[in-house]
């Protein structure tokens, strides 16, 4: 799976079937009340963080369009390789 870089801007399909423009702010997160790991957290683009509004959480399969895939620095590239290896190990164990 090609992981999105932090700062990427994507169109995410919401539960109401609307597509929202979201900027990725975090990857591979655990959320209270949700089983497993969520692929991404983001904020509405171009507004960013809005007080008292939780981040938007979504998985890769909810991404409808990539408007901008942010460039990844070396640290982020290494992290992505580690995340991919973990995903492969999980698939082997399932």
PDB file of N, CA and C in Angstrom:
ATOM      1  N   UNK A   1       0.850  -1.181   0.000  1.00  0.00           N
ATOM      2  CA  UNK A   1       0.000   0.000   0.000  1.00  0.00           C
ATOM      3  C   UNK A   1       0.890   1.237   0.000  1.00  0.00           C
ATOM      4  N   UNK A   2       0.608   2.196  -0.853  1.00  0.00           N
ATOM      5  CA  UNK A   2       1.327   3.462  -0.834  1.00  0.00           C
ATOM      6  C   UNK A   2       0.735   4.345   0.236  1.00  0.00           C
ATOM      7  N   UNK A   3       1.526   4.646   1.237  1.00  0.00           N
ATOM      8  CA  UNK A   3       1.031   5.474   2.335  1.00  0.00           C
ATOM      9  C   UNK A   3       1.155   6.951   1.956  1.00  0.00           C
ATOM     10  N   UNK A   4       0.203   7.724   2.415  1.00  0.00           N
ATOM     11  CA  UNK A   4       0.205   9.161   2.163  1.00  0.00           C
ATOM     12  C   UNK A   4       1.167   9.843   3.125  1.00  0.00           C
ATOM     13  N   UNK A   5       1.855  10.866   2.643  1.00  0.00           N
ATOM     14  CA  UNK A   5       2.744  11.642   3.494  1.00  0.00           C
ATOM     15  C   UNK A   5       1.966  12.622   4.353  1.00  0.00           C
ATOM     16  N   UNK A   6       2.561  12.982   5.489  1.00  0.00           N
ATOM     17  CA  UNK A   6       1.966  14.013   6.336  1.00  0.00           C
ATOM     18  C   UNK A   6       1.909  15.306   5.519  1.00  0.00           C
ATOM     19  N   UNK A   7       0.756  15.941   5.505  1.00  0.00           N
ATOM     20  CA  UNK A   7       0.559  17.148   4.712  1.00  0.00           C
ATOM     21  C   UNK A   7      -0.111  16.885   3.368  1.00  0.00           C
ATOM     22  N   UNK A   8      -0.320  15.607   3.037  1.00  0.00           N
ATOM     23  CA  UNK A   8      -1.040  15.283   1.800  1.00  0.00           C
ATOM     24  C   UNK A   8      -2.477  15.780   1.905  1.00  0.00           C
ATOM     25  N   UNK A   9      -3.038  16.146   0.771  1.00  0.00           N
ATOM     26  CA  UNK A   9      -4.436  16.598   0.726  1.00  0.00           C
ATOM     27  C   UNK A   9      -5.206  15.615  -0.145  1.00  0.00           C
ATOM     28  N   UNK A  10      -6.268  15.040   0.446  1.00  0.00           N
ATOM     29  CA  UNK A  10      -7.026  13.996  -0.234  1.00  0.00           C
ATOM     30  C   UNK A  10      -8.527  14.264  -0.142  1.00  0.00           C
ATOM     31  N   UNK A  11      -9.265  13.633  -1.020  1.00  0.00           N
ATOM     32  CA  UNK A  11     -10.721  13.631  -0.944  1.00  0.00           C
ATOM     33  C   UNK A  11     -11.152  12.364  -0.237  1.00  0.00           C
ATOM     34  N   UNK A  12     -11.840  12.507   0.884  1.00  0.00           N
ATOM     35  CA  UNK A  12     -12.246  11.371   1.710  1.00  0.00           C
ATOM     36  C   UNK A  12     -13.759  11.222   1.661  1.00  0.00           C
ATOM     37  N   UNK A  13     -14.212   9.990   1.431  1.00  0.00           N
ATOM     38  CA  UNK A  13     -15.635   9.704   1.413  1.00  0.00           C
ATOM     39  C   UNK A  13     -16.137   9.589   2.846  1.00  0.00           C
ATOM     40  N   UNK A  14     -17.045  10.476   3.216  1.00  0.00           N
ATOM     41  CA  UNK A  14     -17.608  10.470   4.565  1.00  0.00           C
ATOM     42  C   UNK A  14     -18.769   9.497   4.694  1.00  0.00           C
ATOM     43  N   UNK A  15     -19.230   9.294   5.922  1.00  0.00           N
ATOM     44  CA  UNK A  15     -20.343   8.380   6.167  1.00  0.00           C
ATOM     45  C   UNK A  15     -21.638   8.875   5.518  1.00  0.00           C
ATOM     46  N   UNK A  16     -21.690  10.177   5.233  1.00  0.00           N
ATOM     47  CA  UNK A  16     -22.872  10.751   4.578  1.00  0.00           C
ATOM     48  C   UNK A  16     -22.746  10.726   3.046  1.00  0.00           C
ATOM     49  N   UNK A  17     -21.737   9.993   2.542  1.00  0.00           N
ATOM     50  CA  UNK A  17     -21.470   9.843   1.111  1.00  0.00           C
ATOM     51  C   UNK A  17     -20.999  11.140   0.441  1.00  0.00           C
ATOM     52  N   UNK A  18     -20.635  12.140   1.228  1.00  0.00           N
ATOM     53  CA  UNK A  18     -20.034  13.364   0.698  1.00  0.00           C
ATOM     54  C   UNK A  18     -18.517  13.172   0.671  1.00  0.00           C
ATOM     55  N   UNK A  19     -17.835  13.854  -0.248  1.00  0.00           N
ATOM     56  CA  UNK A  19     -16.376  13.803  -0.289  1.00  0.00           C
ATOM     57  C   UNK A  19     -15.844  15.086   0.334  1.00  0.00           C
ATOM     58  N   UNK A  20     -14.980  14.906   1.343  1.00  0.00           N
ATOM     59  CA  UNK A  20     -14.406  16.025   2.069  1.00  0.00           C
ATOM     60  C   UNK A  20     -12.923  16.150   1.745  1.00  0.00           C
ATOM     61  N   UNK A  21     -12.453  17.383   1.542  1.00  0.00           N
ATOM     62  CA  UNK A  21     -11.039  17.622   1.303  1.00  0.00           C
ATOM     63  C   UNK A  21     -10.345  17.675   2.664  1.00  0.00           C
ATOM     64  N   UNK A  22      -9.388  16.766   2.861  1.00  0.00           N
ATOM     65  CA  UNK A  22      -8.758  16.589   4.164  1.00  0.00           C
ATOM     66  C   UNK A  22      -7.246  16.612   4.008  1.00  0.00           C
ATOM     67  N   UNK A  23      -6.552  17.298   4.949  1.00  0.00           N
ATOM     68  CA  UNK A  23      -5.097  17.269   4.992  1.00  0.00           C
ATOM     69  C   UNK A  23      -4.659  16.270   6.058  1.00  0.00           C
ATOM     70  N   UNK A  24      -3.780  15.338   5.684  1.00  0.00           N
ATOM     71  CA  UNK A  24      -3.295  14.301   6.595  1.00  0.00           C
ATOM     72  C   UNK A  24      -2.377  14.929   7.644  1.00  0.00           C
ATOM     73  N   UNK A  25      -2.665  14.655   8.942  1.00  0.00           N
ATOM     74  CA  UNK A  25      -1.815  15.161  10.021  1.00  0.00           C
ATOM     75  C   UNK A  25      -1.163  14.043  10.828  1.00  0.00           C
ATOM     76  N   UNK A  26      -1.627  12.806  10.641  1.00  0.00           N
ATOM     77  CA  UNK A  26      -1.069  11.687  11.394  1.00  0.00           C
ATOM     78  C   UNK A  26      -1.379  10.389  10.666  1.00  0.00           C
ATOM     79  N   UNK A  27      -0.538   9.373  10.931  1.00  0.00           N
ATOM     80  CA  UNK A  27      -0.731   8.066  10.313  1.00  0.00           C
ATOM     81  C   UNK A  27      -0.704   6.986  11.372  1.00  0.00           C
ATOM     82  N   UNK A  28      -1.369   5.859  11.079  1.00  0.00           N
ATOM     83  CA  UNK A  28      -1.355   4.663  11.931  1.00  0.00           C
ATOM     84  C   UNK A  28      -1.655   5.012  13.383  1.00  0.00           C
ATOM     85  N   UNK A  29      -2.905   5.345  13.652  1.00  0.00           N
ATOM     86  CA  UNK A  29      -3.292   5.792  14.991  1.00  0.00           C
ATOM     87  C   UNK A  29      -4.298   4.827  15.620  1.00  0.00           C
ATOM     88  N   UNK A  30      -4.276   4.795  16.933  1.00  0.00           N
ATOM     89  CA  UNK A  30      -5.272   4.027  17.686  1.00  0.00           C
ATOM     90  C   UNK A  30      -6.285   5.021  18.237  1.00  0.00           C
ATOM     91  N   UNK A  31      -7.557   4.652  18.153  1.00  0.00           N
ATOM     92  CA  UNK A  31      -8.629   5.539  18.586  1.00  0.00           C
ATOM     93  C   UNK A  31      -9.479   4.802  19.612  1.00  0.00           C
ATOM     94  N   UNK A  32      -9.780   5.481  20.715  1.00  0.00           N
ATOM     95  CA  UNK A  32     -10.647   4.882  21.734  1.00  0.00           C
ATOM     96  C   UNK A  32     -11.979   4.480  21.115  1.00  0.00           C
ATOM     97  N   UNK A  33     -12.421   3.274  21.418  1.00  0.00           N
ATOM     98  CA  UNK A  33     -13.703   2.787  20.939  1.00  0.00           C
ATOM     99  C   UNK A  33     -13.673   2.199  19.536  1.00  0.00           C
ATOM    100  N   UNK A  34     -12.485   2.155  18.915  1.00  0.00           N
ATOM    101  CA  UNK A  34     -12.359   1.596  17.578  1.00  0.00           C
ATOM    102  C   UNK A  34     -11.367   0.440  17.633  1.00  0.00           C
ATOM    103  N   UNK A  35     -11.772  -0.717  17.115  1.00  0.00           N
ATOM    104  CA  UNK A  35     -10.878  -1.869  17.079  1.00  0.00           C
ATOM    105  C   UNK A  35      -9.831  -1.676  15.989  1.00  0.00           C
ATOM    106  N   UNK A  36      -8.595  -2.003  16.292  1.00  0.00           N
ATOM    107  CA  UNK A  36      -7.524  -1.935  15.309  1.00  0.00           C
ATOM    108  C   UNK A  36      -6.930  -0.552  15.171  1.00  0.00           C
ATOM    109  N   UNK A  37      -6.134  -0.412  14.145  1.00  0.00           N
ATOM    110  CA  UNK A  37      -5.428   0.842  13.903  1.00  0.00           C
ATOM    111  C   UNK A  37      -6.066   1.540  12.705  1.00  0.00           C
ATOM    112  N   UNK A  38      -6.312   2.822  12.852  1.00  0.00           N
ATOM    113  CA  UNK A  38      -6.856   3.650  11.780  1.00  0.00           C
ATOM    114  C   UNK A  38      -5.676   4.170  10.958  1.00  0.00           C
ATOM    115  N   UNK A  39      -5.821   4.182   9.636  1.00  0.00           N
ATOM    116  CA  UNK A  39      -4.711   4.581   8.769  1.00  0.00           C
ATOM    117  C   UNK A  39      -4.300   6.038   8.934  1.00  0.00           C
ATOM    118  N   UNK A  40      -5.286   6.944   9.019  1.00  0.00           N
ATOM    119  CA  UNK A  40      -4.952   8.370   9.014  1.00  0.00           C
ATOM    120  C   UNK A  40      -5.872   9.191   9.918  1.00  0.00           C
ATOM    121  N   UNK A  41      -5.340  10.337  10.319  1.00  0.00           N
ATOM    122  CA  UNK A  41      -6.143  11.393  10.932  1.00  0.00           C
ATOM    123  C   UNK A  41      -5.840  12.665  10.151  1.00  0.00           C
ATOM    124  N   UNK A  42      -6.841  13.510  10.033  1.00  0.00           N
ATOM    125  CA  UNK A  42      -6.635  14.734   9.274  1.00  0.00           C
ATOM    126  C   UNK A  42      -7.564  15.834   9.712  1.00  0.00           C
ATOM    127  N   UNK A  43      -7.383  16.982   9.077  1.00  0.00           N
ATOM    128  CA  UNK A  43      -8.225  18.151   9.337  1.00  0.00           C
ATOM    129  C   UNK A  43      -8.790  18.643   8.011  1.00  0.00           C
ATOM    130  N   UNK A  44      -9.924  19.306   8.072  1.00  0.00           N
ATOM    131  CA  UNK A  44     -10.552  19.846   6.862  1.00  0.00           C
ATOM    132  C   UNK A  44      -9.607  20.856   6.213  1.00  0.00           C
ATOM    133  N   UNK A  45      -9.392  20.668   4.937  1.00  0.00           N
ATOM    134  CA  UNK A  45      -8.530  21.568   4.182  1.00  0.00           C
ATOM    135  C   UNK A  45      -9.395  22.605   3.486  1.00  0.00           C
ATOM    136  N   UNK A  46      -9.062  23.856   3.463  1.00  0.00           N
ATOM    137  CA  UNK A  46      -7.843  24.520   3.905  1.00  0.00           C
ATOM    138  C   UNK A  46      -7.920  25.107   5.307  1.00  0.00           C
ATOM    139  N   UNK A  47      -8.961  24.795   6.065  1.00  0.00           N
ATOM    140  CA  UNK A  47      -9.190  25.451   7.350  1.00  0.00           C
ATOM    141  C   UNK A  47      -8.251  24.980   8.450  1.00  0.00           C
ATOM    142  N   UNK A  48      -7.853  23.718   8.435  1.00  0.00           N
ATOM    143  CA  UNK A  48      -6.973  23.191   9.472  1.00  0.00           C
ATOM    144  C   UNK A  48      -7.735  22.902  10.752  1.00  0.00           C
ATOM    145  N   UNK A  49      -7.016  22.969  11.861  1.00  0.00           N
ATOM    146  CA  UNK A  49      -7.603  22.673  13.163  1.00  0.00           C
ATOM    147  C   UNK A  49      -8.630  23.729  13.525  1.00  0.00           C
ATOM    148  N   UNK A  50      -9.794  23.287  13.926  1.00  0.00           N
ATOM    149  CA  UNK A  50     -10.853  24.186  14.395  1.00  0.00           C
ATOM    150  C   UNK A  50     -11.149  23.799  15.833  1.00  0.00           C
ATOM    151  N   UNK A  51     -11.099  24.777  16.726  1.00  0.00           N
ATOM    152  CA  UNK A  51     -11.282  24.542  18.155  1.00  0.00           C
ATOM    153  C   UNK A  51     -12.500  23.656  18.427  1.00  0.00           C
ATOM    154  N   UNK A  52     -12.313  22.695  19.336  1.00  0.00           N
ATOM    155  CA  UNK A  52     -13.362  21.777  19.782  1.00  0.00           C
ATOM    156  C   UNK A  52     -13.896  20.856  18.677  1.00  0.00           C
ATOM    157  N   UNK A  53     -13.163  20.732  17.576  1.00  0.00           N
ATOM    158  CA  UNK A  53     -13.550  19.818  16.502  1.00  0.00           C
ATOM    159  C   UNK A  53     -12.523  18.689  16.442  1.00  0.00           C
ATOM    160  N   UNK A  54     -12.968  17.452  16.641  1.00  0.00           N
ATOM    161  CA  UNK A  54     -11.996  16.349  16.609  1.00  0.00           C
ATOM    162  C   UNK A  54     -11.443  16.155  15.195  1.00  0.00           C
ATOM    163  N   UNK A  55     -10.258  15.553  15.089  1.00  0.00           N
ATOM    164  CA  UNK A  55      -9.731  15.284  13.753  1.00  0.00           C
ATOM    165  C   UNK A  55     -10.603  14.265  13.026  1.00  0.00           C
ATOM    166  N   UNK A  56     -10.510  14.257  11.728  1.00  0.00           N
ATOM    167  CA  UNK A  56     -11.222  13.293  10.898  1.00  0.00           C
ATOM    168  C   UNK A  56     -10.351  12.050  10.820  1.00  0.00           C
ATOM    169  N   UNK A  57     -10.916  10.898  11.157  1.00  0.00           N
ATOM    170  CA  UNK A  57     -10.156   9.657  11.052  1.00  0.00           C
ATOM    171  C   UNK A  57     -10.683   8.870   9.854  1.00  0.00           C
ATOM    172  N   UNK A  58      -9.747   8.258   9.122  1.00  0.00           N
ATOM    173  CA  UNK A  58     -10.168   7.525   7.921  1.00  0.00           C
ATOM    174  C   UNK A  58      -9.108   6.499   7.534  1.00  0.00           C
ATOM    175  N   UNK A  59      -9.539   5.540   6.751  1.00  0.00           N
ATOM    176  CA  UNK A  59      -8.661   4.500   6.243  1.00  0.00           C
ATOM    177  C   UNK A  59      -8.401   4.717   4.758  1.00  0.00           C
ATOM    178  N   UNK A  60      -7.367   4.053   4.271  1.00  0.00           N
ATOM    179  CA  UNK A  60      -6.948   4.187   2.874  1.00  0.00           C
ATOM    180  C   UNK A  60      -8.108   3.952   1.907  1.00  0.00           C
ATOM    181  N   UNK A  61      -8.981   2.987   2.220  1.00  0.00           N
ATOM    182  CA  UNK A  61     -10.073   2.655   1.303  1.00  0.00           C
ATOM    183  C   UNK A  61     -11.142   3.748   1.206  1.00  0.00           C
ATOM    184  N   UNK A  62     -11.084   4.752   2.058  1.00  0.00           N
ATOM    185  CA  UNK A  62     -12.033   5.869   1.994  1.00  0.00           C
ATOM    186  C   UNK A  62     -11.501   7.028   1.151  1.00  0.00           C
ATOM    187  N   UNK A  63     -10.245   6.933   0.713  1.00  0.00           N
ATOM    188  CA  UNK A  63      -9.650   7.996  -0.101  1.00  0.00           C
ATOM    189  C   UNK A  63     -10.167   7.854  -1.530  1.00  0.00           C
ATOM    190  N   UNK A  64     -10.874   8.866  -1.998  1.00  0.00           N
ATOM    191  CA  UNK A  64     -11.447   8.862  -3.338  1.00  0.00           C
ATOM    192  C   UNK A  64     -10.509   9.497  -4.357  1.00  0.00           C
ATOM    193  N   UNK A  65      -9.757  10.515  -3.921  1.00  0.00           N
ATOM    194  CA  UNK A  65      -8.860  11.230  -4.835  1.00  0.00           C
ATOM    195  C   UNK A  65      -7.707  11.810  -4.023  1.00  0.00           C
ATOM    196  N   UNK A  66      -6.531  11.821  -4.626  1.00  0.00           N
ATOM    197  CA  UNK A  66      -5.365  12.460  -4.006  1.00  0.00           C
ATOM    198  C   UNK A  66      -5.144  13.777  -4.733  1.00  0.00           C
ATOM    199  N   UNK A  67      -5.346  14.882  -4.010  1.00  0.00           N
ATOM    200  CA  UNK A  67      -5.135  16.210  -4.595  1.00  0.00           C
ATOM    201  C   UNK A  67      -3.658  16.576  -4.562  1.00  0.00           C
ATOM    202  N   UNK A  68      -2.982  16.193  -3.473  1.00  0.00           N
ATOM    203  CA  UNK A  68      -1.557  16.492  -3.305  1.00  0.00           C
ATOM    204  C   UNK A  68      -0.956  15.432  -2.402  1.00  0.00           C
ATOM    205  N   UNK A  69       0.065  14.725  -2.889  1.00  0.00           N
ATOM    206  CA  UNK A  69       0.770  13.748  -2.064  1.00  0.00           C
ATOM    207  C   UNK A  69       2.051  14.411  -1.587  1.00  0.00           C
ATOM    208  N   UNK A  70       2.123  14.719  -0.315  1.00  0.00           N
ATOM    209  CA  UNK A  70       3.237  15.472   0.252  1.00  0.00           C
ATOM    210  C   UNK A  70       4.549  14.715   0.104  1.00  0.00           C
ATOM    211  N   UNK A  71       5.597  15.470  -0.114  1.00  0.00           N
ATOM    212  CA  UNK A  71       6.933  14.886  -0.192  1.00  0.00           C
ATOM    213  C   UNK A  71       7.315  14.352   1.176  1.00  0.00           C
ATOM    214  N   UNK A  72       7.980  13.208   1.184  1.00  0.00           N
ATOM    215  CA  UNK A  72       8.347  12.562   2.439  1.00  0.00           C
ATOM    216  C   UNK A  72       9.847  12.700   2.669  1.00  0.00           C
ATOM    217  N   UNK A  73      10.227  13.125   3.884  1.00  0.00           N
ATOM    218  CA  UNK A  73      11.645  13.198   4.202  1.00  0.00           C
ATOM    219  C   UNK A  73      12.158  11.799   4.553  1.00  0.00           C
ATOM    220  N   UNK A  74      13.444  11.670   4.783  1.00  0.00           N
ATOM    221  CA  UNK A  74      14.049  10.360   5.006  1.00  0.00           C
ATOM    222  C   UNK A  74      13.468   9.661   6.242  1.00  0.00           C
ATOM    223  N   UNK A  75      13.199  10.414   7.305  1.00  0.00           N
ATOM    224  CA  UNK A  75      12.628   9.812   8.517  1.00  0.00           C
ATOM    225  C   UNK A  75      11.243   9.229   8.229  1.00  0.00           C
ATOM    226  N   UNK A  76      10.461   9.962   7.467  1.00  0.00           N
ATOM    227  CA  UNK A  76       9.117   9.474   7.139  1.00  0.00           C
ATOM    228  C   UNK A  76       9.188   8.264   6.206  1.00  0.00           C
ATOM    229  N   UNK A  77      10.143   8.249   5.290  1.00  0.00           N
ATOM    230  CA  UNK A  77      10.315   7.098   4.398  1.00  0.00           C
ATOM    231  C   UNK A  77      10.669   5.848   5.197  1.00  0.00           C
ATOM    232  N   UNK A  78      11.529   5.997   6.194  1.00  0.00           N
ATOM    233  CA  UNK A  78      11.900   4.864   7.047  1.00  0.00           C
ATOM    234  C   UNK A  78      10.686   4.384   7.832  1.00  0.00           C
ATOM    235  N   UNK A  79       9.923   5.320   8.392  1.00  0.00           N
ATOM    236  CA  UNK A  79       8.720   4.962   9.145  1.00  0.00           C
ATOM    237  C   UNK A  79       7.729   4.202   8.258  1.00  0.00           C
ATOM    238  N   UNK A  80       7.564   4.633   7.025  1.00  0.00           N
ATOM    239  CA  UNK A  80       6.652   3.961   6.102  1.00  0.00           C
ATOM    240  C   UNK A  80       7.117   2.531   5.844  1.00  0.00           C
ATOM    241  N   UNK A  81       8.421   2.334   5.670  1.00  0.00           N
ATOM    242  CA  UNK A  81       8.943   0.981   5.454  1.00  0.00           C
ATOM    243  C   UNK A  81       8.670   0.093   6.662  1.00  0.00           C
ATOM    244  N   UNK A  82       8.818   0.650   7.859  1.00  0.00           N
ATOM    245  CA  UNK A  82       8.528  -0.107   9.080  1.00  0.00           C
ATOM    246  C   UNK A  82       7.040  -0.455   9.142  1.00  0.00           C
ATOM    247  N   UNK A  83       6.166   0.528   8.861  1.00  0.00           N
ATOM    248  CA  UNK A  83       4.721   0.286   8.877  1.00  0.00           C
ATOM    249  C   UNK A  83       4.340  -0.775   7.846  1.00  0.00           C
ATOM    250  N   UNK A  84       4.948  -0.732   6.660  1.00  0.00           N
ATOM    251  CA  UNK A  84       4.660  -1.731   5.625  1.00  0.00           C
ATOM    252  C   UNK A  84       5.078  -3.122   6.079  1.00  0.00           C
ATOM    253  N   UNK A  85       6.228  -3.227   6.733  1.00  0.00           N
ATOM    254  CA  UNK A  85       6.704  -4.523   7.229  1.00  0.00           C
ATOM    255  C   UNK A  85       5.757  -5.063   8.300  1.00  0.00           C
ATOM    256  N   UNK A  86       5.280  -4.199   9.187  1.00  0.00           N
ATOM    257  CA  UNK A  86       4.318  -4.613  10.216  1.00  0.00           C
ATOM    258  C   UNK A  86       3.044  -5.122   9.551  1.00  0.00           C
ATOM    259  N   UNK A  87       2.563  -4.405   8.522  1.00  0.00           N
ATOM    260  CA  UNK A  87       1.360  -4.829   7.799  1.00  0.00           C
ATOM    261  C   UNK A  87       1.561  -6.216   7.179  1.00  0.00           C
ATOM    262  N   UNK A  88       2.733  -6.452   6.587  1.00  0.00           N
ATOM    263  CA  UNK A  88       3.027  -7.752   5.983  1.00  0.00           C
ATOM    264  C   UNK A  88       3.016  -8.861   7.029  1.00  0.00           C
ATOM    265  N   UNK A  89       3.608  -8.597   8.183  1.00  0.00           N
ATOM    266  CA  UNK A  89       3.638  -9.596   9.257  1.00  0.00           C
ATOM    267  C   UNK A  89       2.227  -9.905   9.763  1.00  0.00           C
ATOM    268  N   UNK A  90       1.393  -8.864   9.870  1.00  0.00           N
ATOM    269  CA  UNK A  90      -0.001  -9.068  10.299  1.00  0.00           C
ATOM    270  C   UNK A  90      -0.734  -9.959   9.315  1.00  0.00           C
ATOM    271  N   UNK A  91      -0.535  -9.699   8.022  1.00  0.00           N
ATOM    272  CA  UNK A  91      -1.216 -10.495   6.988  1.00  0.00           C
ATOM    273  C   UNK A  91      -0.782 -11.957   7.046  1.00  0.00           C
ATOM    274  N   UNK A  92       0.492 -12.206   7.314  1.00  0.00           N
ATOM    275  CA  UNK A  92       0.992 -13.583   7.423  1.00  0.00           C
ATOM    276  C   UNK A  92       0.353 -14.306   8.603  1.00  0.00           C
ATOM    277  N   UNK A  93       0.124 -13.577   9.693  1.00  0.00           N
ATOM    278  CA  UNK A  93      -0.429 -14.183  10.911  1.00  0.00           C
ATOM    279  C   UNK A  93      -1.943 -14.340  10.872  1.00  0.00           C
ATOM    280  N   UNK A  94      -2.606 -13.713   9.923  1.00  0.00           N
ATOM    281  CA  UNK A  94      -4.082 -13.827   9.816  1.00  0.00           C
ATOM    282  C   UNK A  94      -4.505 -15.078   9.113  1.00  0.00           C
TER     283      UNK A  94
END
